[in-house]
Protein backbone atom coordinates (compact mmCIF):
# COMPACT_ATOMS: atom_id res chain seq x y z
CA MET A 1 13.61 -5.08 -55.23
CA LEU A 2 10.43 -6.41 -57.05
CA ALA A 3 11.18 -7.66 -60.66
CA VAL A 4 10.09 -5.75 -64.17
CA ILE A 5 6.42 -6.20 -64.33
CA PRO A 6 5.33 -8.29 -67.36
CA ALA A 7 3.33 -6.94 -69.87
CA ARG A 8 0.83 -9.08 -69.17
CA HIS A 9 0.06 -10.98 -66.38
CA ALA A 10 -1.92 -13.51 -65.95
CA PRO A 11 -2.23 -16.96 -63.49
CA SER A 12 -1.19 -19.00 -65.98
CA GLN A 13 2.23 -17.87 -65.66
CA ASN A 14 2.30 -20.42 -62.25
CA HIS A 15 2.47 -23.44 -63.51
CA LEU A 16 -0.26 -25.22 -60.88
CA LEU A 17 -2.95 -22.78 -62.03
CA ALA A 18 -1.95 -23.30 -66.07
CA ALA A 19 -2.47 -27.34 -65.50
CA LEU A 20 -5.83 -26.93 -63.86
CA PRO A 21 -9.07 -27.69 -65.49
CA GLU A 22 -10.41 -24.29 -66.92
CA GLU A 23 -13.87 -24.74 -65.31
CA ILE A 24 -11.56 -24.22 -61.82
CA LEU A 25 -9.71 -21.81 -62.95
CA GLU A 26 -11.97 -19.64 -64.33
CA ARG A 27 -14.11 -20.22 -61.08
CA LEU A 28 -10.89 -19.14 -58.47
CA SER A 29 -9.76 -16.51 -61.11
CA PRO A 30 -12.09 -13.73 -59.67
CA HIS A 31 -10.80 -14.16 -56.39
CA LEU A 32 -7.32 -15.19 -57.33
CA GLU A 33 -5.29 -11.37 -56.63
CA LEU A 34 -2.25 -9.90 -58.19
CA VAL A 35 0.40 -9.41 -55.20
CA ALA A 36 4.13 -7.64 -55.08
CA MET A 37 5.88 -9.74 -53.07
CA PRO A 38 9.43 -7.31 -52.87
CA LEU A 39 12.97 -9.29 -51.72
CA GLY A 40 13.01 -10.04 -47.47
CA GLU A 41 9.15 -9.55 -47.48
CA VAL A 42 7.70 -12.65 -44.51
CA LEU A 43 4.80 -14.36 -46.25
CA CYS A 44 4.99 -16.60 -43.00
CA GLU A 45 6.54 -16.43 -39.58
CA SER A 46 7.68 -20.09 -37.88
CA GLY A 47 4.60 -21.54 -36.08
CA GLY A 48 2.26 -19.07 -37.71
CA GLN A 49 -1.50 -19.74 -39.93
CA LEU A 50 -1.46 -18.77 -43.66
CA GLN A 51 -4.87 -15.72 -44.00
CA HIS A 52 -3.86 -17.39 -48.05
CA VAL A 53 -2.69 -19.10 -50.27
CA TYR A 54 0.92 -17.54 -52.37
CA PHE A 55 1.24 -19.37 -56.01
CA PRO A 56 4.26 -17.10 -57.13
CA THR A 57 4.86 -16.52 -61.10
CA THR A 58 8.10 -13.98 -61.07
CA ALA A 59 9.07 -14.28 -56.92
CA ILE A 60 10.72 -16.66 -55.74
CA ILE A 61 9.85 -17.76 -51.70
CA SER A 62 12.57 -19.17 -49.81
CA LEU A 63 10.90 -21.98 -47.11
CA HIS A 64 13.92 -21.92 -43.83
CA TYR A 65 14.67 -22.75 -40.72
CA VAL A 66 15.55 -19.90 -37.84
CA MET A 67 16.96 -21.14 -35.14
CA GLU A 68 17.18 -19.79 -31.50
CA ASP A 69 20.67 -18.35 -32.47
CA GLY A 70 19.15 -16.95 -35.85
CA ALA A 71 20.88 -19.27 -37.54
CA SER A 72 19.05 -20.28 -40.08
CA ALA A 73 19.62 -22.90 -43.93
CA GLU A 74 16.65 -23.34 -46.44
CA ILE A 75 14.93 -26.05 -46.98
CA ALA A 76 12.64 -25.90 -50.03
CA GLY A 77 12.33 -23.36 -52.61
CA VAL A 78 8.65 -22.27 -53.78
CA GLY A 79 8.40 -20.52 -57.15
CA ASN A 80 6.18 -20.40 -60.70
CA GLU A 81 6.17 -24.60 -60.25
CA GLY A 82 4.20 -24.34 -57.04
CA VAL A 83 2.21 -22.65 -53.92
CA LEU A 84 2.87 -21.49 -50.37
CA GLY A 85 0.71 -22.96 -47.98
CA VAL A 86 0.29 -26.82 -48.12
CA GLN A 87 0.30 -26.92 -44.32
CA LEU A 88 -3.31 -26.38 -44.38
CA PHE A 89 -4.94 -28.66 -46.81
CA MET A 90 -2.19 -31.98 -45.37
CA GLY A 91 -4.04 -30.24 -42.26
CA GLY A 92 -1.82 -28.73 -39.85
CA ASN A 93 -2.72 -25.18 -40.60
CA THR A 94 0.92 -23.77 -39.30
CA THR A 95 3.94 -24.94 -40.05
CA PRO A 96 8.02 -24.67 -38.18
CA SER A 97 9.44 -22.97 -41.19
CA GLN A 98 9.06 -19.47 -42.16
CA ALA A 99 8.47 -18.53 -45.49
CA THR A 100 10.36 -15.32 -47.04
CA VAL A 101 10.35 -13.98 -50.58
CA GLN A 102 14.28 -14.79 -51.25
CA THR A 103 13.63 -13.13 -55.29
CA GLY A 104 11.29 -9.93 -55.08
CA GLY A 105 9.19 -10.08 -57.91
CA TYR A 106 5.13 -11.27 -58.45
CA GLY A 107 1.89 -13.66 -57.49
CA TYR A 108 -1.62 -14.24 -57.45
CA ARG A 109 -2.76 -15.14 -53.95
CA LEU A 110 -6.38 -16.49 -53.05
CA LYS A 111 -7.87 -16.63 -49.77
CA ALA A 112 -6.84 -19.87 -47.59
CA ARG A 113 -10.92 -20.21 -47.20
CA LEU A 114 -11.45 -20.25 -50.47
CA MET A 115 -8.40 -22.54 -51.47
CA MET A 116 -10.18 -25.26 -49.20
CA GLU A 117 -13.28 -25.11 -50.80
CA GLU A 118 -12.22 -25.90 -53.52
CA PHE A 119 -9.98 -28.95 -52.44
CA ASN A 120 -12.66 -30.42 -50.48
CA ARG A 121 -14.88 -29.79 -53.59
CA THR A 122 -16.84 -33.43 -54.74
CA GLY A 123 -19.40 -34.42 -57.43
CA GLY A 124 -18.69 -33.87 -61.49
CA ARG A 125 -16.37 -35.66 -63.55
CA ARG A 126 -13.22 -33.58 -62.88
CA SER A 127 -14.01 -32.98 -58.59
CA GLY A 128 -11.27 -33.85 -57.14
CA ALA A 129 -8.56 -31.52 -59.62
CA LEU A 130 -7.45 -29.41 -57.31
CA HIS A 131 -7.26 -31.53 -54.43
CA ASP A 132 -4.97 -34.46 -56.52
CA LEU A 133 -2.63 -31.63 -58.07
CA LEU A 134 -2.46 -30.24 -54.42
CA LEU A 135 -1.40 -33.45 -53.21
CA ARG A 136 1.25 -34.46 -56.21
CA TYR A 137 3.06 -31.04 -55.42
CA THR A 138 3.85 -31.58 -52.33
CA GLN A 139 5.18 -34.56 -52.81
CA ALA A 140 7.29 -33.02 -54.94
CA LEU A 141 7.88 -30.35 -52.20
CA MET A 142 8.96 -33.40 -49.84
CA ALA A 143 11.17 -34.45 -52.21
CA GLN A 144 12.81 -31.10 -52.87
CA MET A 145 13.59 -30.79 -48.61
CA SER A 146 14.57 -34.35 -48.64
CA GLN A 147 17.20 -34.16 -50.60
CA THR A 148 18.19 -31.18 -49.70
CA ALA A 149 18.90 -32.66 -46.11
CA VAL A 150 21.34 -35.04 -48.07
CA CYS A 151 23.04 -32.17 -49.49
CA ASN A 152 23.53 -29.91 -47.05
CA ARG A 153 24.63 -33.26 -45.12
CA HIS A 154 27.03 -34.88 -47.14
CA HIS A 155 27.78 -32.48 -50.57
CA SER A 156 30.70 -29.73 -50.51
CA VAL A 157 29.60 -26.00 -50.66
CA GLU A 158 30.38 -25.90 -54.20
CA GLN A 159 28.36 -28.40 -55.24
CA GLN A 160 25.38 -27.14 -53.06
CA LEU A 161 25.55 -23.78 -54.50
CA CYS A 162 25.59 -24.82 -57.69
CA ARG A 163 22.58 -26.86 -57.14
CA TRP A 164 21.19 -24.41 -55.35
CA LEU A 165 22.31 -21.86 -58.32
CA LEU A 166 20.69 -24.43 -61.01
CA LEU A 167 17.47 -24.36 -58.85
CA THR A 168 17.42 -21.02 -58.72
CA LEU A 169 17.67 -20.39 -62.39
CA ASP A 170 15.00 -22.73 -63.02
CA ARG A 171 12.53 -20.26 -62.49
CA LEU A 172 13.82 -17.45 -63.76
CA PRO A 173 13.19 -15.93 -67.06
CA SER A 174 16.72 -15.11 -67.77
CA ASN A 175 20.25 -16.32 -66.03
CA ASP A 176 20.81 -13.20 -64.26
CA LEU A 177 20.36 -13.62 -60.24
CA THR A 178 19.84 -10.53 -57.51
CA MET A 179 21.52 -12.08 -54.51
CA THR A 180 23.50 -11.21 -52.14
CA GLN A 181 26.71 -13.81 -50.62
CA GLU A 182 25.52 -12.91 -46.93
CA LEU A 183 21.99 -14.06 -48.12
CA ILE A 184 22.86 -17.38 -50.06
CA ALA A 185 24.94 -18.19 -46.96
CA SER A 186 22.25 -17.90 -45.03
CA MET A 187 20.35 -20.33 -47.41
CA LEU A 188 22.22 -23.54 -47.41
CA GLY A 189 22.97 -22.85 -43.46
CA VAL A 190 27.13 -21.90 -43.92
CA ARG A 191 29.46 -18.78 -43.13
CA ARG A 192 29.80 -16.09 -45.50
CA GLU A 193 33.42 -16.83 -46.12
CA GLY A 194 32.54 -20.17 -47.98
CA ILE A 195 30.33 -18.40 -50.33
CA THR A 196 33.27 -15.82 -51.05
CA GLU A 197 35.52 -18.77 -51.69
CA THR A 198 33.12 -20.77 -53.45
CA ALA A 199 31.71 -18.16 -55.60
CA GLY A 200 35.45 -16.84 -56.51
CA ASN A 201 35.85 -20.09 -58.02
CA LEU A 202 33.28 -20.19 -59.99
CA GLN A 203 34.04 -16.83 -61.56
CA ARG A 204 37.67 -17.48 -62.27
CA ALA A 205 36.25 -21.21 -63.95
CA GLY A 206 34.67 -18.85 -66.33
CA LEU A 207 31.11 -20.46 -65.31
CA ILE A 208 29.45 -16.97 -63.19
CA SER A 209 30.43 -13.67 -63.17
CA TYR A 210 30.12 -12.23 -59.63
CA ARG A 211 29.37 -8.45 -58.41
CA ARG A 212 28.65 -7.28 -55.11
CA GLY A 213 24.40 -8.46 -55.08
CA HIS A 214 24.39 -9.94 -58.83
CA ILE A 215 25.49 -13.15 -60.29
CA THR A 216 25.48 -13.77 -63.90
CA VAL A 217 25.80 -17.70 -64.84
CA LEU A 218 27.46 -17.65 -67.86
CA ASP A 219 28.53 -21.84 -68.51
CA ARG A 220 25.22 -23.35 -67.34
CA SER A 221 26.38 -26.43 -68.69
CA GLY A 222 29.54 -26.21 -66.28
CA LEU A 223 27.47 -25.67 -63.78
CA GLU A 224 25.45 -28.58 -63.81
CA SER A 225 29.05 -30.55 -64.22
CA HIS A 226 30.13 -28.50 -60.88
CA ALA A 227 27.00 -29.71 -59.43
CA CYS A 228 26.39 -32.93 -57.20
CA GLU A 229 23.20 -35.32 -58.05
CA CYS A 230 20.88 -33.61 -55.81
CA TYR A 231 19.81 -31.37 -58.10
CA ASN A 232 18.80 -33.62 -61.28
CA VAL A 233 16.66 -35.90 -58.53
CA VAL A 234 14.73 -33.20 -57.10
CA LYS A 235 14.19 -31.69 -61.07
CA LYS A 236 13.31 -35.36 -62.46
CA GLU A 237 11.13 -35.76 -59.18
CA PHE A 238 8.74 -32.28 -59.93
CA HIS A 239 8.78 -33.35 -63.47
CA ARG A 240 7.33 -37.40 -62.82
CA LEU A 241 5.07 -35.91 -60.70
CA LEU A 242 3.63 -32.49 -62.22
CA SER A 243 4.32 -33.36 -66.04
CA ASP A 244 1.19 -32.74 -67.22
CA THR A 245 1.50 -28.81 -65.97
CA GLY A 246 4.12 -28.07 -69.30
CA ALA A 247 1.38 -29.80 -70.91
CA ALA A 248 -1.71 -27.95 -69.96
CA ARG A 249 0.30 -24.35 -69.81
CA LYS A 250 1.36 -24.66 -73.60
CA SER A 251 -1.84 -25.46 -74.66
CA ARG A 252 -3.78 -22.79 -73.25
CA ILE A 253 -0.64 -20.32 -74.57
CA ASN A 254 -1.44 -21.77 -78.39
CA HIS A 255 -5.18 -21.61 -77.68
């Protein structure tokens, strides 16, 4: 199920693209293709090579590992703050994780070749702006992956679920999520029964409202109080490394 198409699509709805100097965005804009990203679509298989990089605007992409027995767990999410395809400019070309659309919506894609040409561009006062921005984003993404691994090892299912819900909400324009318990269990790498019990506890506490395939957060501050420190660690690291993206986006909207 796709999210409602925004009245006005623009690359600047993705914070990384919004943070680029105007001349770079103008150079890339003719090649940015708006694409629908339906729930469940696999954008990159484990070990596969990306032909495009993706800048989500209203969609959210899940990066997760799939084991030989079919079990899986999410290692990071990519929403309007980021880009799918860091392996290209890190020199690996492939990744052992699978990229699947977690929340249906829209985004922009750019041919991998064009991304690398801009990434490697030299000369000029603002040369390397995309290079520097993507490396800082990659560091923030690595921090998210590391914190997720620690969280999954040391924190309760309730803390993990609250952390995951909050990070997802940060990438959405509302407090409503279209998400089944089966999918959440797969993301967190836990049993469905554990998610059912935990979601029920959060609902009885008045923090969320849950009906099949749909979650509404009723009390965000309460949800934050039930989450572990991992949520704030990831949030602060993204803000520290990419704080200029918000300023750039605000400035571009105002003008």
